[in-house]
Amino acid sequence: MPAPARGPLRVHALIDSLTWGGAERLLADFAAGAPSAGIELSVGYLQDVDDSPSAQAIRDQGVEPLLVGVRRLLDLESVRRVRRQLAELRPDVVHTHLGAADALGAVAARTLGIPVVSTIHLMGGPPPGAGARMVARERLMAFARRRGAVRVIAVSDAAREAYLATGWDRPQHVVTVHNGIAPAAPRADPAAVRAGLGLDPDDLVVTVISVLRPGKGHDVAADAVRRLLPRHPRLRLLVVGTGPALAQIRELTAPLGEAAQMTGHRDDVTELLGVSDVLLHPTSMDAFPTVLLEAGAAGVPVIATAVGGVPEIVVDGETGVLVPFPPTGASVARALEPLLSDGALRARLGTAARARFAATFTAERWAGRLREVYELALGGQASQRR
């Protein structure tokens, strides 16, 4: 990537917390790519949740996260605390994430004359069935972005379209910027990782990596494996992650016996993908799932549902296989069967996935795209429509 045209740009990323979420973990990837785009990054977080497990990965990139320490997410004292942090740092741009930071950051930065950019990481407005309180909160956050941010970033075209469909913002105010990642280098030999998981060298491993909650397709993956086991007795399902549906998913996979393994939360995703033959992602909806970028970086072909931002990552028939919504055990099994039977096909799709990742989804390329938005924010602050 060419060197930035301007000098260093000081950006402060402000987020609600540094717990295990995808947006939180992506800040470490951004920290890794920021220097290539001439970005001097600082990170602030409103509250300490679960001992802030994502903070260490950011520290590993040479950025020390700064706790704001708000007691309530939306009150005047919280605005003062955020303003105090911004006044000390004096960044060129504030980049907010995850709702409360959007609202507090927009108000505090505006009093200091600092332009704000906000990223929405999910699809559209509140989820179906959301209560009145959640709907009111989402509307408030959208109002803060519309009035306080010079640009709102959606992580995929699908997410942008869904957000605009709510009527909460105007098209010229919302732009798409695909995320990127800086995957860790493998630290262990794949044979040793397989042995540690109790997998044999000739096992065909299909892996699901996501939070364990409804809508992620764990039931679909278990059903697909059940259907294929008679023809592929060495087939193994690896379920990676934890979450509120842990007990239900354990019950779903129990009939598969030794053909299924639940690993719980793991930090060594690179190693697990290194022993996977296929990544399954039969989700019901996702704005821009990071795990598909990780699979591409590892050269692992993907079978995923053609929903949300997934088709903006996976090229059907080239880097993986897309199945129509709603995913079923039968449709995923049909897509998976050729990949299990043909190692050369898996290798070809995996090679193409790695090439697409390198061309499009690295942390450096992501940081370069964000720098362009920051430059727009700096140039457009004075003319921002209030």
Protein backbone atom coordinates (compact mmCIF):
# COMPACT_ATOMS: atom_id res chain seq x y z
CA MET A 1 0.00 0.00 0.00
CA PRO A 2 1.40 3.47 -0.87
CA ALA A 3 2.39 5.83 1.91
CA PRO A 4 -0.31 8.25 3.05
CA ALA A 5 -0.32 11.62 1.28
CA ARG A 6 -0.54 13.52 4.57
CA GLY A 7 1.37 13.24 7.81
CA PRO A 8 0.29 11.17 10.81
CA LEU A 9 -3.40 11.28 11.69
CA ARG A 10 -4.30 10.92 15.36
CA VAL A 11 -7.42 8.78 15.77
CA HIS A 12 -9.09 7.90 19.06
CA ALA A 13 -11.29 4.78 18.95
CA LEU A 14 -13.99 4.90 21.65
CA ILE A 15 -15.99 1.76 22.42
CA ASP A 16 -18.50 0.70 25.09
CA SER A 17 -16.28 -2.02 26.58
CA LEU A 18 -13.51 -4.49 25.76
CA THR A 19 -15.33 -7.73 26.44
CA TRP A 20 -15.30 -10.74 24.04
CA GLY A 21 -17.42 -9.26 21.21
CA GLY A 22 -16.41 -9.08 17.58
CA ALA A 23 -16.20 -5.28 17.45
CA GLU A 24 -14.04 -5.27 20.56
CA ARG A 25 -11.61 -7.86 19.19
CA LEU A 26 -11.35 -6.02 15.87
CA LEU A 27 -9.72 -3.03 17.55
CA ALA A 28 -6.54 -5.07 17.94
CA ASP A 29 -6.59 -5.76 14.20
CA PHE A 30 -7.06 -2.07 13.52
CA ALA A 31 -4.15 -1.27 15.82
CA ALA A 32 -2.01 -3.68 13.79
CA GLY A 33 -2.90 -2.07 10.46
CA ALA A 34 -3.07 1.58 11.53
CA PRO A 35 0.66 2.45 11.17
CA SER A 36 0.66 1.46 7.49
CA ALA A 37 -1.98 4.15 6.86
CA GLY A 38 -0.19 6.80 8.89
CA ILE A 39 -2.69 6.53 11.73
CA GLU A 40 -1.59 7.07 15.33
CA LEU A 41 -4.23 5.15 17.27
CA SER A 42 -5.42 5.50 20.84
CA VAL A 43 -8.26 3.44 22.34
CA GLY A 44 -10.73 4.37 25.06
CA TYR A 45 -13.47 2.22 26.58
CA LEU A 46 -16.41 3.36 28.69
CA GLN A 47 -16.70 0.51 31.19
CA ASP A 48 -14.73 -2.48 32.43
CA VAL A 49 -16.84 -5.57 31.63
CA ASP A 50 -15.68 -9.15 32.33
CA ASP A 51 -12.19 -7.81 33.19
CA SER A 52 -11.85 -6.46 29.63
CA PRO A 53 -10.44 -9.62 27.97
CA SER A 54 -9.95 -7.93 24.58
CA ALA A 55 -7.61 -5.32 26.08
CA GLN A 56 -4.53 -7.55 26.04
CA ALA A 57 -4.60 -8.08 22.28
CA ILE A 58 -4.64 -4.29 21.83
CA ARG A 59 -1.71 -3.95 24.23
CA ASP A 60 0.14 -6.55 22.20
CA GLN A 61 -0.04 -4.10 19.28
CA GLY A 62 1.60 -1.36 21.37
CA VAL A 63 -1.58 0.55 22.29
CA GLU A 64 -2.62 0.84 25.94
CA PRO A 65 -6.44 1.03 26.23
CA LEU A 66 -7.67 3.89 28.44
CA LEU A 67 -10.67 3.33 30.73
CA VAL A 68 -13.12 6.23 30.86
CA GLY A 69 -14.88 4.72 33.87
CA VAL A 70 -18.47 5.88 33.37
CA ARG A 71 -20.99 4.70 35.94
CA ARG A 72 -24.01 5.05 33.71
CA LEU A 73 -23.94 4.88 29.96
CA LEU A 74 -26.14 7.90 29.28
CA ASP A 75 -25.94 10.83 31.69
CA LEU A 76 -24.26 14.22 31.96
CA GLU A 77 -21.43 13.02 34.19
CA SER A 78 -20.58 10.33 31.62
CA VAL A 79 -20.34 13.01 28.91
CA ARG A 80 -17.98 15.00 31.15
CA ARG A 81 -15.75 11.97 31.67
CA VAL A 82 -15.54 11.22 27.96
CA ARG A 83 -14.88 14.90 27.24
CA ARG A 84 -12.06 14.91 29.77
CA GLN A 85 -10.38 11.95 28.03
CA LEU A 86 -10.74 13.55 24.60
CA ALA A 87 -9.48 16.93 25.86
CA GLU A 88 -6.33 15.25 27.21
CA LEU A 89 -5.65 13.33 23.99
CA ARG A 90 -6.79 15.94 21.44
CA PRO A 91 -7.11 13.50 18.53
CA ASP A 92 -7.79 14.67 14.99
CA VAL A 93 -10.77 12.28 14.70
CA VAL A 94 -12.86 10.27 17.16
CA HIS A 95 -14.11 6.90 15.88
CA THR A 96 -16.93 5.47 18.00
CA HIS A 97 -18.31 1.95 18.24
CA LEU A 98 -21.31 0.21 19.84
CA GLY A 99 -24.05 2.63 20.66
CA ALA A 100 -23.33 4.24 23.99
CA ALA A 101 -19.90 5.34 22.78
CA ASP A 102 -21.61 6.76 19.68
CA ALA A 103 -23.88 8.95 21.82
CA LEU A 104 -21.39 10.02 24.48
CA GLY A 105 -18.53 10.43 22.01
CA ALA A 106 -20.61 12.54 19.63
CA VAL A 107 -21.70 14.97 22.35
CA ALA A 108 -18.29 15.23 24.01
CA ALA A 109 -16.32 15.58 20.78
CA ARG A 110 -18.67 18.20 19.41
CA THR A 111 -17.96 20.49 22.38
CA LEU A 112 -14.26 20.22 21.52
CA GLY A 113 -14.64 20.72 17.78
CA ILE A 114 -13.37 17.21 16.96
CA PRO A 115 -15.06 15.37 14.07
CA VAL A 116 -16.64 11.99 14.80
CA VAL A 117 -17.01 8.87 12.68
CA SER A 118 -19.24 6.03 13.96
CA THR A 119 -19.32 2.38 12.92
CA ILE A 120 -22.45 0.22 13.13
CA HIS A 121 -21.47 -3.43 13.40
CA LEU A 122 -24.86 -5.14 13.13
CA MET A 123 -27.73 -5.35 10.67
CA GLY A 124 -30.28 -2.54 10.61
CA GLY A 125 -32.20 -1.50 13.68
CA PRO A 126 -33.31 -3.44 16.76
CA PRO A 127 -33.75 -7.21 16.36
CA PRO A 128 -37.22 -8.68 15.74
CA GLY A 129 -39.22 -8.87 18.95
CA ALA A 130 -37.19 -6.17 20.69
CA GLY A 131 -38.99 -4.44 23.53
CA ALA A 132 -39.94 -0.79 23.63
CA ARG A 133 -36.94 0.09 25.78
CA MET A 134 -34.45 -1.43 23.31
CA VAL A 135 -36.18 0.24 20.36
CA ALA A 136 -36.01 3.60 22.13
CA ARG A 137 -32.33 3.07 22.89
CA GLU A 138 -31.54 2.17 19.27
CA ARG A 139 -33.39 5.24 18.05
CA LEU A 140 -31.42 7.42 20.45
CA MET A 141 -28.10 5.98 19.23
CA ALA A 142 -29.14 6.49 15.61
CA PHE A 143 -30.08 10.11 16.38
CA ALA A 144 -26.65 10.65 17.96
CA ARG A 145 -24.91 9.23 14.88
CA ARG A 146 -27.04 11.24 12.48
CA ARG A 147 -26.51 14.52 14.27
CA GLY A 148 -23.07 14.03 15.79
CA ALA A 149 -21.06 11.97 13.30
CA VAL A 150 -19.68 13.41 10.07
CA ARG A 151 -19.86 9.90 8.58
CA VAL A 152 -21.50 6.64 9.67
CA ILE A 153 -19.72 3.47 8.58
CA ALA A 154 -21.55 0.21 7.84
CA VAL A 155 -19.40 -2.91 7.71
CA SER A 156 -21.11 -4.26 4.57
CA ASP A 157 -23.39 -3.07 1.81
CA ALA A 158 -26.10 -5.31 3.22
CA ALA A 159 -25.76 -3.70 6.65
CA ARG A 160 -25.86 -0.24 5.09
CA GLU A 161 -29.05 -1.03 3.17
CA ALA A 162 -30.70 -2.48 6.29
CA TYR A 163 -29.72 0.55 8.36
CA LEU A 164 -31.03 3.01 5.78
CA ALA A 165 -34.26 0.99 5.53
CA THR A 166 -35.05 2.01 9.11
CA GLY A 167 -35.31 5.62 7.96
CA TRP A 168 -32.92 6.68 10.72
CA ASP A 169 -30.31 8.24 8.43
CA ARG A 170 -29.76 9.58 4.91
CA PRO A 171 -27.87 7.69 2.19
CA GLN A 172 -25.12 10.27 1.66
CA HIS A 173 -24.24 10.12 5.36
CA VAL A 174 -23.66 6.33 5.53
CA VAL A 175 -20.75 4.61 3.76
CA THR A 176 -19.59 1.01 3.55
CA VAL A 177 -16.13 0.03 4.74
CA HIS A 178 -15.35 -3.69 4.88
CA ASN A 179 -13.38 -4.76 7.94
CA GLY A 180 -9.97 -6.38 7.76
CA ILE A 181 -7.94 -8.47 10.16
CA ALA A 182 -4.34 -9.21 11.11
CA PRO A 183 -4.43 -12.96 11.79
CA ALA A 184 -1.92 -14.38 14.23
CA ALA A 185 0.79 -16.60 12.80
CA PRO A 186 0.36 -20.29 13.66
CA ARG A 187 2.26 -21.15 16.84
CA ALA A 188 1.87 -24.92 16.80
CA ASP A 189 2.31 -27.77 14.35
CA PRO A 190 -1.07 -28.86 12.91
CA ALA A 191 -0.33 -32.50 13.70
CA ALA A 192 0.23 -31.59 17.35
CA VAL A 193 -2.98 -29.54 17.42
CA ARG A 194 -4.94 -32.44 15.94
CA ALA A 195 -3.46 -34.81 18.48
CA GLY A 196 -4.33 -32.40 21.28
CA LEU A 197 -7.93 -32.39 20.14
CA GLY A 198 -8.03 -36.18 19.87
CA LEU A 199 -8.31 -36.06 16.08
CA ASP A 200 -6.68 -38.63 13.81
CA PRO A 201 -4.59 -37.52 10.81
CA ASP A 202 -7.17 -38.87 8.35
CA ASP A 203 -10.20 -37.28 10.01
CA LEU A 204 -12.20 -34.83 7.87
CA VAL A 205 -12.76 -31.87 10.17
CA VAL A 206 -15.56 -29.36 9.66
CA THR A 207 -15.56 -26.51 12.13
CA VAL A 208 -18.11 -24.00 13.40
CA ILE A 209 -16.63 -20.97 15.19
CA SER A 210 -19.11 -18.53 16.70
CA VAL A 211 -20.83 -17.48 19.87
CA LEU A 212 -23.22 -20.23 20.98
CA ARG A 213 -26.62 -18.63 20.56
CA PRO A 214 -29.75 -19.21 18.46
CA GLY A 215 -29.49 -18.23 14.83
CA LYS A 216 -25.86 -19.27 14.32
CA GLY A 217 -26.83 -22.59 12.72
CA HIS A 218 -25.33 -25.11 15.13
CA ASP A 219 -28.45 -27.25 14.76
CA VAL A 220 -28.06 -27.15 10.99
CA ALA A 221 -24.38 -28.13 11.17
CA ALA A 222 -25.12 -31.07 13.50
CA ASP A 223 -27.89 -32.29 11.20
CA ALA A 224 -25.64 -32.02 8.12
CA VAL A 225 -22.90 -34.05 9.80
CA ARG A 226 -25.43 -36.66 10.90
CA ARG A 227 -26.62 -37.04 7.30
CA LEU A 228 -23.06 -37.45 5.95
CA LEU A 229 -21.54 -39.75 8.57
CA PRO A 230 -22.69 -43.00 6.90
CA ARG A 231 -20.72 -42.08 3.74
CA HIS A 232 -17.87 -40.35 5.58
CA PRO A 233 -17.24 -42.17 8.85
CA ARG A 234 -14.09 -40.11 9.49
CA LEU A 235 -16.11 -36.87 9.46
CA ARG A 236 -15.70 -34.79 12.64
CA LEU A 237 -17.56 -31.68 13.76
CA LEU A 238 -15.60 -29.16 15.85
CA VAL A 239 -17.78 -26.61 17.67
CA VAL A 240 -15.71 -23.68 18.95
CA GLY A 241 -17.06 -21.00 21.26
CA THR A 242 -19.28 -20.46 24.24
CA GLY A 243 -22.49 -18.57 24.89
CA PRO A 244 -26.04 -18.69 26.23
CA ALA A 245 -27.09 -21.71 24.13
CA LEU A 246 -24.26 -23.93 25.39
CA ALA A 247 -26.54 -26.53 27.01
CA GLN A 248 -28.88 -26.76 24.03
CA ILE A 249 -26.05 -27.15 21.53
CA ARG A 250 -24.38 -29.79 23.69
CA GLU A 251 -27.67 -31.69 23.60
CA LEU A 252 -27.87 -31.29 19.82
CA THR A 253 -24.38 -32.69 19.25
CA ALA A 254 -24.55 -35.48 21.83
CA PRO A 255 -26.15 -38.02 19.41
CA LEU A 256 -23.10 -37.65 17.14
CA GLY A 257 -20.91 -39.21 19.81
CA GLU A 258 -17.19 -39.02 19.06
CA ALA A 259 -17.96 -37.38 15.71
CA ALA A 260 -18.63 -34.08 17.49
CA GLN A 261 -16.49 -32.12 19.91
CA MET A 262 -17.24 -28.88 21.74
CA THR A 263 -14.06 -27.00 22.62
CA GLY A 264 -15.48 -24.01 24.52
CA HIS A 265 -13.85 -20.61 24.05
CA ARG A 266 -10.44 -20.76 22.37
CA ASP A 267 -7.93 -18.01 21.65
CA ASP A 268 -6.02 -20.12 19.09
CA VAL A 269 -8.42 -19.72 16.17
CA THR A 270 -5.53 -19.72 13.68
CA GLU A 271 -4.42 -23.14 14.95
CA LEU A 272 -7.95 -24.55 14.87
CA LEU A 273 -8.48 -23.38 11.30
CA GLY A 274 -5.13 -24.94 10.45
CA VAL A 275 -6.55 -28.39 11.25
CA SER A 276 -9.95 -27.73 9.64
CA ASP A 277 -10.86 -28.98 6.19
CA VAL A 278 -13.99 -26.82 5.88
CA LEU A 279 -15.50 -23.98 7.92
CA LEU A 280 -19.28 -24.13 8.30
CA HIS A 281 -21.21 -20.92 8.89
CA PRO A 282 -24.92 -21.71 8.40
CA THR A 283 -26.04 -18.48 10.06
CA SER A 284 -29.48 -16.89 9.82
CA MET A 285 -28.03 -13.37 9.65
CA ASP A 286 -24.62 -11.68 9.93
CA ALA A 287 -23.48 -8.20 8.96
CA PHE A 288 -19.87 -9.14 8.18
CA PRO A 289 -18.62 -12.19 10.10
CA THR A 290 -14.94 -11.94 11.04
CA VAL A 291 -14.54 -15.71 11.14
CA LEU A 292 -14.97 -15.85 7.37
CA LEU A 293 -12.03 -13.46 6.99
CA GLU A 294 -10.02 -15.67 9.34
CA ALA A 295 -10.88 -18.73 7.25
CA GLY A 296 -9.76 -16.93 4.10
CA ALA A 297 -6.46 -15.96 5.70
CA ALA A 298 -5.95 -19.61 6.68
CA GLY A 299 -6.85 -20.90 3.22
CA VAL A 300 -9.88 -22.84 4.47
CA PRO A 301 -12.93 -23.11 2.18
CA VAL A 302 -16.25 -21.97 3.62
CA ILE A 303 -19.83 -23.18 3.38
CA ALA A 304 -22.08 -20.35 4.55
CA THR A 305 -25.57 -18.97 4.19
CA ALA A 306 -26.07 -16.30 1.55
CA VAL A 307 -27.36 -13.67 3.99
CA GLY A 308 -26.26 -10.23 5.14
CA GLY A 309 -22.67 -9.40 4.31
CA VAL A 310 -21.62 -13.04 3.80
CA PRO A 311 -21.74 -12.87 -0.05
CA GLU A 312 -19.45 -9.82 0.13
CA ILE A 313 -16.77 -12.12 1.60
CA VAL A 314 -17.40 -15.56 0.08
CA VAL A 315 -17.44 -15.85 -3.71
CA ASP A 316 -19.75 -18.77 -4.45
CA GLY A 317 -17.95 -21.58 -6.25
CA GLU A 318 -14.63 -19.76 -6.07
CA THR A 319 -13.66 -19.32 -2.39
CA GLY A 320 -16.45 -21.39 -0.89
CA VAL A 321 -20.06 -22.41 -1.31
CA LEU A 322 -23.12 -20.33 -0.45
CA VAL A 323 -26.38 -22.02 0.50
CA PRO A 324 -29.72 -20.21 0.26
CA PHE A 325 -31.67 -18.98 3.26
CA PRO A 326 -32.98 -20.65 5.31
CA PRO A 327 -30.12 -23.11 5.72
CA THR A 328 -31.08 -26.70 6.42
CA GLY A 329 -29.18 -29.84 7.30
CA ALA A 330 -30.02 -31.19 3.85
CA SER A 331 -28.82 -28.10 1.93
CA VAL A 332 -25.58 -27.85 3.91
CA ALA A 333 -24.96 -31.58 3.49
CA ARG A 334 -25.41 -31.26 -0.28
CA ALA A 335 -22.90 -28.40 -0.36
CA LEU A 336 -20.44 -30.20 1.91
CA GLU A 337 -20.46 -33.60 0.19
CA PRO A 338 -18.29 -32.61 -2.84
CA LEU A 339 -15.72 -30.94 -0.59
CA LEU A 340 -15.43 -34.00 1.64
CA SER A 341 -14.99 -36.25 -1.39
CA ASP A 342 -12.48 -34.11 -3.29
CA GLY A 343 -9.34 -32.87 -1.58
CA ALA A 344 -8.23 -31.07 -4.73
CA LEU A 345 -11.47 -29.07 -4.75
CA ARG A 346 -10.93 -28.07 -1.12
CA ALA A 347 -7.38 -27.00 -1.93
CA ARG A 348 -8.48 -24.95 -4.94
CA LEU A 349 -11.18 -23.11 -3.01
CA GLY A 350 -8.82 -22.56 -0.09
CA THR A 351 -6.10 -21.11 -2.31
CA ALA A 352 -8.59 -18.71 -3.90
CA ALA A 353 -9.89 -17.71 -0.46
CA ARG A 354 -6.36 -16.88 0.71
CA ALA A 355 -5.72 -14.79 -2.40
CA ARG A 356 -8.99 -12.88 -1.93
CA PHE A 357 -8.11 -12.21 1.70
CA ALA A 358 -4.67 -10.86 0.79
CA ALA A 359 -6.11 -8.61 -1.91
CA THR A 360 -9.05 -7.22 0.08
CA PHE A 361 -9.31 -8.00 3.77
CA THR A 362 -5.95 -7.43 5.45
CA ALA A 363 -5.73 -5.02 8.39
CA GLU A 364 -3.51 -2.73 6.32
CA ARG A 365 -6.05 -2.44 3.52
CA TRP A 366 -8.82 -1.85 6.08
CA ALA A 367 -6.82 0.92 7.75
CA GLY A 368 -6.25 2.55 4.36
CA ARG A 369 -9.99 2.54 3.66
CA LEU A 370 -10.70 4.05 7.08
CA ARG A 371 -8.10 6.76 6.55
CA GLU A 372 -10.03 7.87 3.47
CA VAL A 373 -13.19 8.24 5.60
CA TYR A 374 -11.27 10.18 8.26
CA GLU A 375 -9.98 12.56 5.60
CA LEU A 376 -13.57 13.08 4.40
CA ALA A 377 -14.65 13.74 7.99
CA LEU A 378 -11.93 16.33 8.49
CA GLY A 379 -12.82 18.03 5.22
CA GLY A 380 -16.55 17.82 5.68
CA GLN A 381 -16.90 18.81 9.32
CA ALA A 382 -17.56 22.46 8.59
CA SER A 383 -20.26 21.66 6.03
CA GLN A 384 -21.92 18.87 8.05
CA ARG A 385 -25.69 19.08 7.93
CA ARG A 386 -26.96 19.69 11.47
